[in-house]
Amino acid sequence: MKTKNYLMLCAALSVVWVAGLLLVPPFSNGVEALIHMFLAANAS
């Protein structure tokens, strides 16, 4: 995969990710829950 195509793919995925976090409350709540579980499991 060429660098230009890779950058375009990363940009598109970033836009979709941010739009999902901002516009879809269950998606953002799920991501938040996963982050909390990860941090709780690894806290020491």
N, C-alpha and C. Protein backbone atom coordinates (compact mmCIF):
# COMPACT_ATOMS: atom_id res chain seq x y z
N MET A 1 0.86 -1.17 0.00
CA MET A 1 0.00 0.00 0.00
C MET A 1 0.90 1.24 0.00
N LYS A 2 0.59 2.13 -0.88
CA LYS A 2 1.41 3.35 -0.97
C LYS A 2 1.08 4.30 0.16
N THR A 3 2.00 5.17 0.46
CA THR A 3 1.86 6.09 1.59
C THR A 3 0.63 6.97 1.44
N LYS A 4 0.38 7.47 0.25
CA LYS A 4 -0.77 8.35 0.03
C LYS A 4 -2.08 7.61 0.32
N ASN A 5 -2.19 6.38 -0.15
CA ASN A 5 -3.40 5.59 0.10
C ASN A 5 -3.56 5.29 1.59
N TYR A 6 -2.45 5.00 2.26
CA TYR A 6 -2.49 4.72 3.69
C TYR A 6 -2.95 5.95 4.47
N LEU A 7 -2.45 7.12 4.11
CA LEU A 7 -2.85 8.35 4.79
C LEU A 7 -4.32 8.66 4.55
N MET A 8 -4.80 8.42 3.35
CA MET A 8 -6.22 8.65 3.05
C MET A 8 -7.10 7.69 3.85
N LEU A 9 -6.67 6.44 3.97
CA LEU A 9 -7.41 5.46 4.76
C LEU A 9 -7.45 5.87 6.22
N CYS A 10 -6.32 6.28 6.77
CA CYS A 10 -6.27 6.72 8.17
C CYS A 10 -7.14 7.94 8.41
N ALA A 11 -7.13 8.88 7.49
CA ALA A 11 -7.95 10.08 7.62
C ALA A 11 -9.43 9.72 7.58
N ALA A 12 -9.81 8.84 6.68
CA ALA A 12 -11.22 8.43 6.58
C ALA A 12 -11.67 7.72 7.85
N LEU A 13 -10.85 6.82 8.36
CA LEU A 13 -11.20 6.11 9.59
C LEU A 13 -11.28 7.06 10.77
N SER A 14 -10.41 8.05 10.82
CA SER A 14 -10.45 9.03 11.90
C SER A 14 -11.73 9.84 11.86
N VAL A 15 -12.13 10.25 10.66
CA VAL A 15 -13.38 11.02 10.52
C VAL A 15 -14.57 10.19 10.95
N VAL A 16 -14.62 8.93 10.54
CA VAL A 16 -15.73 8.05 10.93
C VAL A 16 -15.74 7.84 12.44
N TRP A 17 -14.56 7.64 13.03
CA TRP A 17 -14.46 7.41 14.48
C TRP A 17 -14.97 8.62 15.26
N VAL A 18 -14.51 9.81 14.89
CA VAL A 18 -14.91 11.03 15.60
C VAL A 18 -16.39 11.30 15.40
N ALA A 19 -16.88 11.11 14.19
CA ALA A 19 -18.31 11.32 13.93
C ALA A 19 -19.14 10.34 14.75
N GLY A 20 -18.69 9.10 14.86
CA GLY A 20 -19.40 8.12 15.68
C GLY A 20 -19.42 8.51 17.15
N LEU A 21 -18.30 9.00 17.64
CA LEU A 21 -18.25 9.42 19.04
C LEU A 21 -19.16 10.61 19.31
N LEU A 22 -19.24 11.53 18.36
CA LEU A 22 -20.03 12.74 18.57
C LEU A 22 -21.52 12.52 18.31
N LEU A 23 -21.86 11.69 17.34
CA LEU A 23 -23.24 11.62 16.87
C LEU A 23 -24.01 10.38 17.31
N VAL A 24 -23.33 9.36 17.82
CA VAL A 24 -24.00 8.11 18.20
C VAL A 24 -23.75 7.85 19.69
N PRO A 25 -24.69 8.27 20.55
CA PRO A 25 -24.47 8.12 21.99
C PRO A 25 -24.16 6.69 22.46
N PRO A 26 -24.84 5.65 21.96
CA PRO A 26 -24.47 4.30 22.44
C PRO A 26 -23.04 3.92 22.08
N PHE A 27 -22.57 4.37 20.94
CA PHE A 27 -21.19 4.08 20.55
C PHE A 27 -20.21 4.76 21.50
N SER A 28 -20.44 6.04 21.79
CA SER A 28 -19.53 6.74 22.69
C SER A 28 -19.61 6.18 24.11
N ASN A 29 -20.78 5.77 24.55
CA ASN A 29 -20.90 5.16 25.87
C ASN A 29 -20.17 3.83 25.93
N GLY A 30 -20.24 3.07 24.86
CA GLY A 30 -19.53 1.79 24.81
C GLY A 30 -18.03 1.97 24.84
N VAL A 31 -17.54 2.95 24.08
CA VAL A 31 -16.10 3.23 24.08
C VAL A 31 -15.66 3.68 25.47
N GLU A 32 -16.45 4.54 26.09
CA GLU A 32 -16.12 5.01 27.43
C GLU A 32 -16.08 3.85 28.42
N ALA A 33 -17.04 2.94 28.33
CA ALA A 33 -17.07 1.78 29.23
C ALA A 33 -15.84 0.90 29.03
N LEU A 34 -15.44 0.70 27.77
CA LEU A 34 -14.25 -0.11 27.51
C LEU A 34 -13.00 0.55 28.08
N ILE A 35 -12.90 1.86 27.94
CA ILE A 35 -11.74 2.56 28.49
C ILE A 35 -11.71 2.44 30.01
N HIS A 36 -12.87 2.59 30.64
CA HIS A 36 -12.94 2.47 32.10
C HIS A 36 -12.56 1.05 32.54
N MET A 37 -13.05 0.03 31.85
CA MET A 37 -12.69 -1.35 32.22
C MET A 37 -11.20 -1.57 32.06
N PHE A 38 -10.62 -1.07 30.97
CA PHE A 38 -9.20 -1.22 30.76
C PHE A 38 -8.39 -0.54 31.86
N LEU A 39 -8.76 0.69 32.19
CA LEU A 39 -8.03 1.42 33.22
C LEU A 39 -8.20 0.79 34.59
N ALA A 40 -9.40 0.30 34.89
CA ALA A 40 -9.64 -0.34 36.20
C ALA A 40 -8.84 -1.64 36.31
N ALA A 41 -8.74 -2.37 35.22
CA ALA A 41 -8.03 -3.65 35.26
C ALA A 41 -6.51 -3.44 35.38
N ASN A 42 -6.02 -2.33 34.87
CA ASN A 42 -4.58 -2.11 34.85
C ASN A 42 -4.10 -1.13 35.90
N ALA A 43 -4.98 -0.65 36.75
CA ALA A 43 -4.57 0.28 37.79
C ALA A 43 -3.84 -0.48 38.90
N SER A 44 -2.77 0.09 39.36
CA SER A 44 -2.06 -0.56 40.45
C SER A 44 -1.42 0.45 41.36
